[in-house]
Amino acid sequence: MLRKREGYREAFHGFDPEKVAAMTDEDVDALMGNAGIVRNRQKIEATIGNARALLEMHRDGERLGDLIALHTPAPRGRAPLTFADVPTQTAESAALSRELKKRGFRFVGPTTMYATLQAIGAVDDHIRGCFLARAAD
C-alpha cells in the first residue's frame, strides 16, 4: 500500500475532503482504471462516502481528531516483548469503529482503527529494546 501512496494522493485530490466528497460515479469509473491505486469499487466508493461523513461531522461541530482522542487507550506500562504481544484490536479500537460506523463511515473495523491509532502514534507498539519504544521497561 505504501508504494501506492502517491497514486492515492493524486486520485483523491491530495486527500482534500471537500474535493473527495464531490466525486461522482464517473470519477469512480475512471478510478477503476487507475493502476496507481487498488481498484476495488467498494473501497473507492467508501472513500468518497467517508469524506462526506467527515464533512457531516464538521457541520455538526465534531472533529475526527477529538473522536479518536476519546478512544485512545492509556499508554501501556511496558513495551511488548514480541510481536505476538501486540494486539490487532482493542476495546478502544472497537468502540471507535462503532462510533465511526454510526456516523456513516465504512471500512473502519476495529483492526483498521487499531492500525490507525498505531500509524498516528496514539499507540506505541514498538517492541521492548527498540530505540523508538516510549514505554518504560
N, C-alpha and C. Protein backbone atom coordinates (compact mmCIF):
# COMPACT_ATOMS: atom_id res chain seq x y z
N MET A 1 0.82 -1.20 0.00
CA MET A 1 0.00 0.00 0.00
C MET A 1 0.86 1.26 0.00
N LEU A 2 1.97 1.23 0.73
CA LEU A 2 2.81 2.42 0.77
C LEU A 2 3.35 2.78 -0.61
N ARG A 3 3.57 1.78 -1.45
CA ARG A 3 4.06 2.05 -2.80
C ARG A 3 3.01 2.80 -3.63
N LYS A 4 1.76 2.69 -3.25
CA LYS A 4 0.68 3.33 -4.00
C LYS A 4 0.23 4.65 -3.37
N ARG A 5 0.92 5.07 -2.32
CA ARG A 5 0.52 6.27 -1.59
C ARG A 5 0.37 7.48 -2.52
N GLU A 6 1.34 7.71 -3.38
CA GLU A 6 1.27 8.88 -4.27
C GLU A 6 0.13 8.73 -5.27
N GLY A 7 -0.14 7.50 -5.70
CA GLY A 7 -1.28 7.26 -6.58
C GLY A 7 -2.59 7.64 -5.91
N TYR A 8 -2.71 7.28 -4.64
CA TYR A 8 -3.91 7.64 -3.89
C TYR A 8 -4.01 9.15 -3.71
N ARG A 9 -2.87 9.76 -3.39
CA ARG A 9 -2.86 11.21 -3.18
C ARG A 9 -3.36 11.94 -4.43
N GLU A 10 -2.89 11.48 -5.58
CA GLU A 10 -3.31 12.10 -6.84
C GLU A 10 -4.78 11.77 -7.14
N ALA A 11 -5.16 10.50 -7.01
CA ALA A 11 -6.52 10.06 -7.34
C ALA A 11 -7.57 10.73 -6.45
N PHE A 12 -7.19 11.00 -5.20
CA PHE A 12 -8.16 11.57 -4.26
C PHE A 12 -7.81 13.01 -3.88
N HIS A 13 -7.33 13.75 -4.88
CA HIS A 13 -7.18 15.22 -4.78
C HIS A 13 -6.42 15.66 -3.54
N GLY A 14 -5.29 15.00 -3.27
CA GLY A 14 -4.49 15.40 -2.12
C GLY A 14 -5.20 15.15 -0.79
N PHE A 15 -6.19 14.27 -0.82
CA PHE A 15 -6.99 13.92 0.37
C PHE A 15 -7.78 15.10 0.90
N ASP A 16 -8.12 16.03 0.05
CA ASP A 16 -8.98 17.16 0.43
C ASP A 16 -10.41 16.64 0.54
N PRO A 17 -10.99 16.62 1.76
CA PRO A 17 -12.31 16.00 1.92
C PRO A 17 -13.41 16.67 1.09
N GLU A 18 -13.33 17.97 0.89
CA GLU A 18 -14.34 18.66 0.08
C GLU A 18 -14.31 18.14 -1.36
N LYS A 19 -13.10 18.01 -1.91
CA LYS A 19 -12.96 17.55 -3.29
C LYS A 19 -13.33 16.08 -3.42
N VAL A 20 -12.92 15.27 -2.45
CA VAL A 20 -13.25 13.83 -2.50
C VAL A 20 -14.76 13.64 -2.37
N ALA A 21 -15.39 14.37 -1.48
CA ALA A 21 -16.84 14.24 -1.28
C ALA A 21 -17.62 14.62 -2.53
N ALA A 22 -17.04 15.45 -3.36
CA ALA A 22 -17.72 15.90 -4.58
C ALA A 22 -17.53 14.95 -5.76
N MET A 23 -16.78 13.89 -5.56
CA MET A 23 -16.53 12.95 -6.65
C MET A 23 -17.83 12.24 -7.05
N THR A 24 -17.93 11.90 -8.32
CA THR A 24 -19.15 11.34 -8.90
C THR A 24 -18.95 9.88 -9.30
N ASP A 25 -20.03 9.27 -9.76
CA ASP A 25 -19.96 7.90 -10.28
C ASP A 25 -18.99 7.83 -11.47
N GLU A 26 -18.93 8.88 -12.26
CA GLU A 26 -18.00 8.91 -13.38
C GLU A 26 -16.56 8.90 -12.87
N ASP A 27 -16.30 9.60 -11.77
CA ASP A 27 -14.97 9.58 -11.17
C ASP A 27 -14.63 8.17 -10.67
N VAL A 28 -15.60 7.51 -10.07
CA VAL A 28 -15.39 6.14 -9.60
C VAL A 28 -15.03 5.23 -10.77
N ASP A 29 -15.78 5.37 -11.87
CA ASP A 29 -15.50 4.56 -13.06
C ASP A 29 -14.08 4.81 -13.56
N ALA A 30 -13.67 6.07 -13.57
CA ALA A 30 -12.31 6.41 -14.03
C ALA A 30 -11.27 5.80 -13.09
N LEU A 31 -11.52 5.85 -11.78
CA LEU A 31 -10.56 5.31 -10.82
C LEU A 31 -10.43 3.80 -10.94
N MET A 32 -11.48 3.15 -11.41
CA MET A 32 -11.41 1.70 -11.59
C MET A 32 -10.37 1.32 -12.65
N GLY A 33 -9.97 2.27 -13.47
CA GLY A 33 -8.94 2.02 -14.46
C GLY A 33 -7.58 2.57 -14.06
N ASN A 34 -7.46 3.07 -12.85
CA ASN A 34 -6.22 3.71 -12.39
C ASN A 34 -5.33 2.67 -11.72
N ALA A 35 -4.25 2.30 -12.39
CA ALA A 35 -3.33 1.29 -11.85
C ALA A 35 -2.52 1.82 -10.67
N GLY A 36 -2.61 3.12 -10.39
CA GLY A 36 -1.86 3.71 -9.28
C GLY A 36 -2.50 3.46 -7.93
N ILE A 37 -3.71 2.88 -7.91
CA ILE A 37 -4.41 2.57 -6.66
C ILE A 37 -4.94 1.15 -6.72
N VAL A 38 -5.41 0.65 -5.59
CA VAL A 38 -6.09 -0.64 -5.57
C VAL A 38 -7.48 -0.40 -6.13
N ARG A 39 -7.82 -1.10 -7.18
CA ARG A 39 -9.08 -0.86 -7.90
C ARG A 39 -10.19 -1.73 -7.36
N ASN A 40 -10.70 -1.35 -6.21
CA ASN A 40 -11.80 -2.04 -5.55
C ASN A 40 -12.94 -1.03 -5.45
N ARG A 41 -14.00 -1.25 -6.22
CA ARG A 41 -15.10 -0.30 -6.29
C ARG A 41 -15.67 0.03 -4.91
N GLN A 42 -15.86 -0.98 -4.08
CA GLN A 42 -16.45 -0.73 -2.75
C GLN A 42 -15.56 0.18 -1.92
N LYS A 43 -14.25 -0.02 -2.00
CA LYS A 43 -13.34 0.82 -1.21
C LYS A 43 -13.25 2.23 -1.78
N ILE A 44 -13.28 2.35 -3.10
CA ILE A 44 -13.29 3.69 -3.70
C ILE A 44 -14.56 4.43 -3.28
N GLU A 45 -15.70 3.77 -3.39
CA GLU A 45 -16.97 4.39 -3.00
C GLU A 45 -16.98 4.71 -1.51
N ALA A 46 -16.39 3.84 -0.70
CA ALA A 46 -16.32 4.10 0.73
C ALA A 46 -15.46 5.32 1.03
N THR A 47 -14.38 5.49 0.29
CA THR A 47 -13.52 6.65 0.50
C THR A 47 -14.30 7.94 0.26
N ILE A 48 -15.08 7.95 -0.80
CA ILE A 48 -15.90 9.13 -1.11
C ILE A 48 -16.97 9.31 -0.04
N GLY A 49 -17.61 8.22 0.35
CA GLY A 49 -18.62 8.29 1.40
C GLY A 49 -18.04 8.72 2.74
N ASN A 50 -16.83 8.27 3.04
CA ASN A 50 -16.18 8.66 4.29
C ASN A 50 -15.85 10.14 4.30
N ALA A 51 -15.47 10.68 3.15
CA ALA A 51 -15.22 12.13 3.06
C ALA A 51 -16.52 12.88 3.34
N ARG A 52 -17.62 12.39 2.82
CA ARG A 52 -18.93 13.03 3.06
C ARG A 52 -19.30 12.92 4.54
N ALA A 53 -19.04 11.75 5.15
CA ALA A 53 -19.33 11.57 6.57
C ALA A 53 -18.47 12.50 7.43
N LEU A 54 -17.21 12.68 7.05
CA LEU A 54 -16.33 13.59 7.76
C LEU A 54 -16.85 15.01 7.69
N LEU A 55 -17.27 15.44 6.52
CA LEU A 55 -17.81 16.80 6.37
C LEU A 55 -19.09 16.97 7.18
N GLU A 56 -19.88 15.93 7.25
CA GLU A 56 -21.10 15.98 8.08
C GLU A 56 -20.73 16.14 9.56
N MET A 57 -19.70 15.43 10.00
CA MET A 57 -19.22 15.60 11.38
C MET A 57 -18.81 17.06 11.60
N HIS A 58 -18.09 17.62 10.65
CA HIS A 58 -17.65 19.02 10.78
C HIS A 58 -18.84 19.95 10.86
N ARG A 59 -19.86 19.70 10.03
CA ARG A 59 -21.07 20.55 10.07
C ARG A 59 -21.77 20.44 11.42
N ASP A 60 -21.64 19.27 12.06
CA ASP A 60 -22.26 19.06 13.38
C ASP A 60 -21.36 19.54 14.52
N GLY A 61 -20.23 20.15 14.17
CA GLY A 61 -19.32 20.67 15.19
C GLY A 61 -18.38 19.64 15.77
N GLU A 62 -18.30 18.48 15.15
CA GLU A 62 -17.41 17.42 15.63
C GLU A 62 -16.13 17.40 14.81
N ARG A 63 -15.08 16.91 15.43
CA ARG A 63 -13.79 16.75 14.76
C ARG A 63 -13.34 15.31 14.92
N LEU A 64 -12.83 14.74 13.84
CA LEU A 64 -12.36 13.36 13.86
C LEU A 64 -11.26 13.17 14.89
N GLY A 65 -10.35 14.12 14.98
CA GLY A 65 -9.26 14.01 15.95
C GLY A 65 -9.76 13.92 17.37
N ASP A 66 -10.82 14.66 17.68
CA ASP A 66 -11.40 14.60 19.02
C ASP A 66 -12.00 13.23 19.29
N LEU A 67 -12.68 12.67 18.28
CA LEU A 67 -13.29 11.35 18.44
C LEU A 67 -12.21 10.29 18.63
N ILE A 68 -11.14 10.40 17.87
CA ILE A 68 -10.03 9.46 18.03
C ILE A 68 -9.42 9.59 19.42
N ALA A 69 -9.22 10.81 19.87
CA ALA A 69 -8.63 11.03 21.20
C ALA A 69 -9.49 10.40 22.30
N LEU A 70 -10.79 10.44 22.14
CA LEU A 70 -11.69 9.84 23.14
C LEU A 70 -11.55 8.32 23.20
N HIS A 71 -11.03 7.74 22.13
CA HIS A 71 -10.92 6.28 22.05
C HIS A 71 -9.47 5.80 22.01
N THR A 72 -8.57 6.61 22.46
CA THR A 72 -7.17 6.22 22.53
C THR A 72 -6.89 5.59 23.88
N PRO A 73 -6.34 4.38 23.90
CA PRO A 73 -6.08 3.73 25.18
C PRO A 73 -4.97 4.45 25.95
N ALA A 74 -4.98 4.26 27.25
CA ALA A 74 -3.90 4.81 28.09
C ALA A 74 -2.59 4.14 27.67
N PRO A 75 -1.49 4.86 27.81
CA PRO A 75 -0.20 4.25 27.46
C PRO A 75 0.05 3.00 28.30
N ARG A 76 0.62 2.00 27.67
CA ARG A 76 0.93 0.77 28.41
C ARG A 76 2.15 1.01 29.29
N GLY A 77 2.25 0.27 30.33
CA GLY A 77 3.36 0.43 31.26
C GLY A 77 4.66 -0.14 30.75
N ARG A 78 4.58 -1.18 29.93
CA ARG A 78 5.79 -1.83 29.41
C ARG A 78 5.62 -2.07 27.92
N ALA A 79 6.70 -1.94 27.22
CA ALA A 79 6.68 -2.24 25.78
C ALA A 79 6.43 -3.73 25.59
N PRO A 80 5.79 -4.12 24.50
CA PRO A 80 5.59 -5.55 24.24
C PRO A 80 6.94 -6.25 24.05
N LEU A 81 7.00 -7.50 24.50
CA LEU A 81 8.25 -8.27 24.37
C LEU A 81 8.46 -8.77 22.94
N THR A 82 7.38 -9.20 22.30
CA THR A 82 7.45 -9.76 20.94
C THR A 82 6.27 -9.23 20.15
N PHE A 83 6.31 -9.47 18.84
CA PHE A 83 5.18 -9.08 18.00
C PHE A 83 3.91 -9.83 18.39
N ALA A 84 4.05 -11.01 18.95
CA ALA A 84 2.88 -11.78 19.40
C ALA A 84 2.16 -11.07 20.55
N ASP A 85 2.86 -10.16 21.24
CA ASP A 85 2.26 -9.42 22.34
C ASP A 85 1.55 -8.15 21.88
N VAL A 86 1.59 -7.86 20.60
CA VAL A 86 0.95 -6.67 20.06
C VAL A 86 -0.45 -7.06 19.59
N PRO A 87 -1.47 -6.41 20.12
CA PRO A 87 -2.83 -6.76 19.72
C PRO A 87 -3.13 -6.28 18.30
N THR A 88 -4.14 -6.87 17.69
CA THR A 88 -4.60 -6.39 16.38
C THR A 88 -5.78 -5.44 16.54
N GLN A 89 -6.42 -5.50 17.71
CA GLN A 89 -7.51 -4.60 18.04
C GLN A 89 -7.67 -4.56 19.55
N THR A 90 -8.36 -3.55 20.02
CA THR A 90 -8.60 -3.39 21.45
C THR A 90 -10.05 -2.97 21.66
N ALA A 91 -10.45 -2.93 22.91
CA ALA A 91 -11.81 -2.44 23.21
C ALA A 91 -11.98 -1.01 22.70
N GLU A 92 -10.92 -0.22 22.81
CA GLU A 92 -10.99 1.18 22.36
C GLU A 92 -11.13 1.27 20.84
N SER A 93 -10.39 0.43 20.11
CA SER A 93 -10.49 0.48 18.65
C SER A 93 -11.86 -0.03 18.19
N ALA A 94 -12.42 -0.99 18.93
CA ALA A 94 -13.77 -1.47 18.60
C ALA A 94 -14.80 -0.38 18.86
N ALA A 95 -14.64 0.35 19.95
CA ALA A 95 -15.57 1.44 20.26
C ALA A 95 -15.45 2.56 19.23
N LEU A 96 -14.23 2.88 18.82
CA LEU A 96 -14.03 3.90 17.79
C LEU A 96 -14.69 3.45 16.48
N SER A 97 -14.51 2.20 16.13
CA SER A 97 -15.14 1.65 14.93
C SER A 97 -16.65 1.82 14.97
N ARG A 98 -17.25 1.47 16.10
CA ARG A 98 -18.71 1.60 16.25
C ARG A 98 -19.16 3.05 16.09
N GLU A 99 -18.42 3.97 16.70
CA GLU A 99 -18.79 5.39 16.62
C GLU A 99 -18.68 5.91 15.19
N LEU A 100 -17.65 5.51 14.49
CA LEU A 100 -17.50 5.96 13.10
C LEU A 100 -18.59 5.37 12.22
N LYS A 101 -18.91 4.11 12.43
CA LYS A 101 -19.98 3.48 11.64
C LYS A 101 -21.32 4.18 11.89
N LYS A 102 -21.58 4.59 13.14
CA LYS A 102 -22.81 5.34 13.44
C LYS A 102 -22.88 6.63 12.64
N ARG A 103 -21.72 7.19 12.32
CA ARG A 103 -21.65 8.45 11.59
C ARG A 103 -21.57 8.24 10.08
N GLY A 104 -21.68 6.97 9.64
CA GLY A 104 -21.74 6.69 8.21
C GLY A 104 -20.44 6.27 7.56
N PHE A 105 -19.38 6.10 8.33
CA PHE A 105 -18.11 5.66 7.77
C PHE A 105 -18.16 4.17 7.45
N ARG A 106 -17.40 3.76 6.44
CA ARG A 106 -17.30 2.35 6.06
C ARG A 106 -15.84 1.93 5.99
N PHE A 107 -15.60 0.63 6.08
CA PHE A 107 -14.25 0.06 6.08
C PHE A 107 -13.44 0.63 7.23
N VAL A 108 -14.08 0.71 8.38
CA VAL A 108 -13.44 1.25 9.59
C VAL A 108 -13.60 0.26 10.74
N GLY A 109 -13.28 -1.00 10.48
CA GLY A 109 -13.40 -2.03 11.51
C GLY A 109 -12.39 -1.84 12.62
N PRO A 110 -12.53 -2.61 13.71
CA PRO A 110 -11.65 -2.48 14.87
C PRO A 110 -10.17 -2.67 14.57
N THR A 111 -9.84 -3.59 13.67
CA THR A 111 -8.44 -3.80 13.33
C THR A 111 -7.89 -2.61 12.55
N THR A 112 -8.67 -2.10 11.63
CA THR A 112 -8.25 -0.91 10.87
C THR A 112 -8.10 0.29 11.80
N MET A 113 -9.00 0.41 12.75
CA MET A 113 -8.91 1.55 13.68
C MET A 113 -7.70 1.40 14.60
N TYR A 114 -7.37 0.17 14.99
CA TYR A 114 -6.17 -0.01 15.81
C TYR A 114 -4.93 0.34 14.99
N ALA A 115 -4.91 -0.07 13.73
CA ALA A 115 -3.78 0.28 12.86
C ALA A 115 -3.69 1.81 12.70
N THR A 116 -4.81 2.48 12.67
CA THR A 116 -4.83 3.94 12.59
C THR A 116 -4.21 4.53 13.85
N LEU A 117 -4.60 4.02 15.01
CA LEU A 117 -4.02 4.51 16.27
C LEU A 117 -2.51 4.30 16.30
N GLN A 118 -2.05 3.18 15.75
CA GLN A 118 -0.61 2.94 15.66
C GLN A 118 0.04 3.94 14.70
N ALA A 119 -0.58 4.12 13.53
CA ALA A 119 0.01 4.96 12.49
C ALA A 119 0.15 6.43 12.91
N ILE A 120 -0.79 6.91 13.71
CA ILE A 120 -0.72 8.31 14.13
C ILE A 120 0.07 8.49 15.41
N GLY A 121 0.57 7.40 15.96
CA GLY A 121 1.40 7.49 17.16
C GLY A 121 0.61 7.54 18.45
N ALA A 122 -0.69 7.28 18.40
CA ALA A 122 -1.51 7.28 19.61
C ALA A 122 -1.28 6.02 20.43
N VAL A 123 -0.78 4.97 19.79
CA VAL A 123 -0.46 3.71 20.44
C VAL A 123 1.00 3.39 20.09
N ASP A 124 1.78 3.04 21.09
CA ASP A 124 3.18 2.69 20.87
C ASP A 124 3.33 1.18 21.00
N ASP A 125 3.49 0.52 19.88
CA ASP A 125 3.66 -0.92 19.87
C ASP A 125 5.08 -1.34 19.49
N HIS A 126 6.03 -0.45 19.67
CA HIS A 126 7.42 -0.82 19.40
C HIS A 126 7.86 -1.86 20.43
N ILE A 127 8.51 -2.88 19.96
CA ILE A 127 8.94 -4.00 20.80
C ILE A 127 10.01 -3.52 21.79
N ARG A 128 9.98 -4.09 23.00
CA ARG A 128 10.96 -3.74 24.02
C ARG A 128 12.37 -3.84 23.46
N GLY A 129 13.16 -2.82 23.72
CA GLY A 129 14.52 -2.77 23.22
C GLY A 129 14.65 -1.94 21.96
N CYS A 130 13.54 -1.71 21.27
CA CYS A 130 13.59 -0.87 20.07
C CYS A 130 13.85 0.57 20.51
N PHE A 131 14.72 1.25 19.81
CA PHE A 131 15.07 2.62 20.20
C PHE A 131 13.88 3.57 20.07
N LEU A 132 12.83 3.16 19.36
CA LEU A 132 11.65 4.01 19.21
C LEU A 132 10.59 3.78 20.29
N ALA A 133 10.73 2.73 21.08
CA ALA A 133 9.75 2.41 22.11
C ALA A 133 9.74 3.51 23.17
N ARG A 134 8.54 3.98 23.51
CA ARG A 134 8.40 5.02 24.53
C ARG A 134 8.07 4.43 25.90
N ALA A 135 7.48 3.24 25.91
CA ALA A 135 7.05 2.65 27.18
C ALA A 135 8.25 2.30 28.05
N ALA A 136 8.07 2.46 29.35
CA ALA A 136 9.16 2.14 30.29
C ALA A 136 9.37 0.64 30.36
N ASP A 137 10.62 0.24 30.47
CA ASP A 137 10.93 -1.19 30.63
C ASP A 137 11.05 -1.55 32.08
